[in-house]
Amino acid sequence: MKKTAVLTALTALALLPGAAMAHPGGHDGMTLGEGLHHLLTEPDHLALLALIATLAGWGGWRAYRARTPR
């Protein structure tokens, strides 16, 4: 897939208000356990964690391939 198509698709997703699935309320006053539970059970945070894990894996793979002789 071309780089411009990927960037266009990601930009469109970022601009969609429904894609965020943000919930009302703040995170003030949470203990560490409550914060971890919240991060691991709320769909909006799970989506962000999945995105971070995907990008980290992709970046690691690219770094590995760059160092491995062909």
N, C-alpha and C. Protein backbone atom coordinates (compact mmCIF):
# COMPACT_ATOMS: atom_id res chain seq x y z
N MET A 1 0.85 -1.17 0.00
CA MET A 1 0.00 0.00 0.00
C MET A 1 0.90 1.23 0.00
N LYS A 2 0.50 2.24 -0.76
CA LYS A 2 1.31 3.43 -0.85
C LYS A 2 1.25 4.23 0.44
N LYS A 3 2.36 4.91 0.71
CA LYS A 3 2.47 5.68 1.95
C LYS A 3 1.41 6.77 2.02
N THR A 4 1.10 7.42 0.90
CA THR A 4 0.10 8.49 0.93
C THR A 4 -1.29 7.95 1.23
N ALA A 5 -1.60 6.75 0.76
CA ALA A 5 -2.91 6.15 1.04
C ALA A 5 -3.04 5.82 2.52
N VAL A 6 -1.97 5.32 3.10
CA VAL A 6 -1.99 5.01 4.53
C VAL A 6 -2.14 6.28 5.35
N LEU A 7 -1.38 7.31 5.02
CA LEU A 7 -1.49 8.57 5.75
C LEU A 7 -2.87 9.20 5.60
N THR A 8 -3.45 9.10 4.42
CA THR A 8 -4.78 9.64 4.20
C THR A 8 -5.81 8.89 5.04
N ALA A 9 -5.71 7.57 5.08
CA ALA A 9 -6.64 6.76 5.86
C ALA A 9 -6.49 7.05 7.35
N LEU A 10 -5.28 7.16 7.84
CA LEU A 10 -5.06 7.45 9.25
C LEU A 10 -5.55 8.85 9.62
N THR A 11 -5.35 9.81 8.74
CA THR A 11 -5.84 11.16 9.00
C THR A 11 -7.36 11.18 9.04
N ALA A 12 -8.00 10.46 8.13
CA ALA A 12 -9.47 10.41 8.13
C ALA A 12 -9.99 9.77 9.41
N LEU A 13 -9.35 8.71 9.87
CA LEU A 13 -9.77 8.06 11.11
C LEU A 13 -9.58 8.97 12.32
N ALA A 14 -8.49 9.72 12.31
CA ALA A 14 -8.22 10.62 13.43
C ALA A 14 -9.23 11.76 13.49
N LEU A 15 -9.77 12.15 12.36
CA LEU A 15 -10.71 13.26 12.32
C LEU A 15 -12.14 12.85 12.60
N LEU A 16 -12.42 11.56 12.61
CA LEU A 16 -13.77 11.10 12.91
C LEU A 16 -14.02 11.16 14.41
N PRO A 17 -15.03 11.90 14.85
CA PRO A 17 -15.26 12.00 16.29
C PRO A 17 -15.65 10.68 16.93
N GLY A 18 -16.32 9.82 16.23
CA GLY A 18 -16.74 8.54 16.78
C GLY A 18 -15.58 7.57 16.95
N ALA A 19 -14.49 7.79 16.24
CA ALA A 19 -13.36 6.87 16.33
C ALA A 19 -12.67 6.95 17.68
N ALA A 20 -12.81 8.08 18.36
CA ALA A 20 -12.14 8.25 19.65
C ALA A 20 -12.84 7.47 20.75
N MET A 21 -14.16 7.35 20.70
CA MET A 21 -14.96 6.68 21.71
C MET A 21 -14.62 7.18 23.11
N ALA A 22 -14.34 8.47 23.23
CA ALA A 22 -13.95 9.03 24.52
C ALA A 22 -15.13 9.01 25.49
N HIS A 23 -14.82 8.81 26.73
CA HIS A 23 -15.85 8.76 27.76
C HIS A 23 -15.79 10.03 28.60
N PRO A 24 -16.89 10.43 29.19
CA PRO A 24 -16.88 11.63 30.03
C PRO A 24 -16.21 11.36 31.37
N GLY A 25 -15.82 12.42 32.01
CA GLY A 25 -15.20 12.29 33.33
C GLY A 25 -13.69 12.28 33.26
N GLY A 26 -13.11 12.61 34.37
CA GLY A 26 -11.65 12.67 34.42
C GLY A 26 -11.06 11.47 35.12
N HIS A 27 -9.76 11.50 35.23
CA HIS A 27 -9.04 10.41 35.87
C HIS A 27 -8.42 10.87 37.19
N ASP A 28 -8.91 11.98 37.72
CA ASP A 28 -8.36 12.52 38.96
C ASP A 28 -8.75 11.66 40.15
N GLY A 29 -7.85 11.50 41.05
CA GLY A 29 -8.14 10.80 42.29
C GLY A 29 -8.14 9.29 42.21
N MET A 30 -7.70 8.73 41.12
CA MET A 30 -7.64 7.26 41.00
C MET A 30 -6.38 6.75 41.67
N THR A 31 -6.50 5.63 42.35
CA THR A 31 -5.30 4.97 42.87
C THR A 31 -4.62 4.25 41.72
N LEU A 32 -3.44 3.72 41.97
CA LEU A 32 -2.70 3.02 40.92
C LEU A 32 -3.48 1.81 40.43
N GLY A 33 -4.05 1.05 41.35
CA GLY A 33 -4.84 -0.13 40.96
C GLY A 33 -6.07 0.25 40.15
N GLU A 34 -6.77 1.30 40.60
CA GLU A 34 -7.95 1.75 39.85
C GLU A 34 -7.56 2.24 38.46
N GLY A 35 -6.43 2.95 38.38
CA GLY A 35 -5.96 3.45 37.09
C GLY A 35 -5.61 2.32 36.13
N LEU A 36 -4.92 1.30 36.63
CA LEU A 36 -4.57 0.16 35.77
C LEU A 36 -5.82 -0.60 35.34
N HIS A 37 -6.75 -0.78 36.27
CA HIS A 37 -8.00 -1.46 35.93
C HIS A 37 -8.74 -0.68 34.85
N HIS A 38 -8.78 0.63 35.00
CA HIS A 38 -9.46 1.49 34.04
C HIS A 38 -8.80 1.40 32.67
N LEU A 39 -7.47 1.44 32.64
CA LEU A 39 -6.75 1.38 31.36
C LEU A 39 -6.97 0.06 30.64
N LEU A 40 -7.11 -1.02 31.41
CA LEU A 40 -7.22 -2.34 30.80
C LEU A 40 -8.65 -2.78 30.52
N THR A 41 -9.64 -1.98 30.93
CA THR A 41 -11.03 -2.39 30.72
C THR A 41 -11.84 -1.43 29.87
N GLU A 42 -11.40 -0.21 29.69
CA GLU A 42 -12.17 0.75 28.88
C GLU A 42 -11.81 0.58 27.41
N PRO A 43 -12.81 0.52 26.53
CA PRO A 43 -12.53 0.28 25.10
C PRO A 43 -11.65 1.34 24.45
N ASP A 44 -11.81 2.61 24.83
CA ASP A 44 -11.01 3.65 24.20
C ASP A 44 -9.54 3.50 24.57
N HIS A 45 -9.25 3.10 25.80
CA HIS A 45 -7.87 2.91 26.20
C HIS A 45 -7.30 1.63 25.60
N LEU A 46 -8.11 0.61 25.48
CA LEU A 46 -7.64 -0.64 24.85
C LEU A 46 -7.26 -0.40 23.39
N ALA A 47 -8.03 0.43 22.70
CA ALA A 47 -7.72 0.74 21.31
C ALA A 47 -6.39 1.49 21.22
N LEU A 48 -6.16 2.40 22.14
CA LEU A 48 -4.90 3.13 22.15
C LEU A 48 -3.74 2.19 22.47
N LEU A 49 -3.91 1.31 23.44
CA LEU A 49 -2.86 0.35 23.77
C LEU A 49 -2.57 -0.58 22.59
N ALA A 50 -3.61 -0.99 21.87
CA ALA A 50 -3.42 -1.85 20.70
C ALA A 50 -2.66 -1.10 19.61
N LEU A 51 -2.97 0.17 19.42
CA LEU A 51 -2.26 0.97 18.42
C LEU A 51 -0.80 1.13 18.80
N ILE A 52 -0.53 1.41 20.07
CA ILE A 52 0.85 1.57 20.53
C ILE A 52 1.62 0.26 20.35
N ALA A 53 1.00 -0.87 20.72
CA ALA A 53 1.67 -2.16 20.57
C ALA A 53 1.94 -2.48 19.10
N THR A 54 1.00 -2.17 18.23
CA THR A 54 1.18 -2.41 16.80
C THR A 54 2.32 -1.57 16.24
N LEU A 55 2.34 -0.29 16.58
CA LEU A 55 3.39 0.59 16.08
C LEU A 55 4.75 0.21 16.65
N ALA A 56 4.80 -0.19 17.92
CA ALA A 56 6.07 -0.62 18.51
C ALA A 56 6.58 -1.89 17.83
N GLY A 57 5.69 -2.82 17.57
CA GLY A 57 6.08 -4.04 16.88
C GLY A 57 6.55 -3.77 15.47
N TRP A 58 5.85 -2.90 14.78
CA TRP A 58 6.23 -2.55 13.42
C TRP A 58 7.59 -1.85 13.40
N GLY A 59 7.79 -0.93 14.34
CA GLY A 59 9.07 -0.23 14.42
C GLY A 59 10.21 -1.17 14.78
N GLY A 60 9.94 -2.10 15.69
CA GLY A 60 10.96 -3.09 16.04
C GLY A 60 11.31 -3.98 14.88
N TRP A 61 10.30 -4.38 14.12
CA TRP A 61 10.54 -5.22 12.95
C TRP A 61 11.38 -4.47 11.91
N ARG A 62 11.05 -3.19 11.70
CA ARG A 62 11.82 -2.39 10.74
C ARG A 62 13.27 -2.24 11.20
N ALA A 63 13.47 -2.02 12.49
CA ALA A 63 14.84 -1.89 13.02
C ALA A 63 15.60 -3.21 12.88
N TYR A 64 14.93 -4.31 13.14
CA TYR A 64 15.55 -5.63 13.01
C TYR A 64 15.94 -5.88 11.55
N ARG A 65 15.02 -5.59 10.63
CA ARG A 65 15.30 -5.82 9.21
C ARG A 65 16.42 -4.91 8.70
N ALA A 66 16.53 -3.70 9.26
CA ALA A 66 17.57 -2.78 8.83
C ALA A 66 18.96 -3.28 9.25
N ARG A 67 19.04 -4.00 10.38
CA ARG A 67 20.32 -4.49 10.87
C ARG A 67 20.68 -5.88 10.35
N THR A 68 19.71 -6.60 9.82
CA THR A 68 19.96 -7.95 9.34
C THR A 68 20.44 -7.92 7.90
N PRO A 69 21.61 -8.54 7.63
CA PRO A 69 22.09 -8.57 6.22
C PRO A 69 21.16 -9.43 5.37
N ARG A 70 21.02 -9.04 4.16
CA ARG A 70 20.13 -9.77 3.23
C ARG A 70 20.88 -10.72 2.38
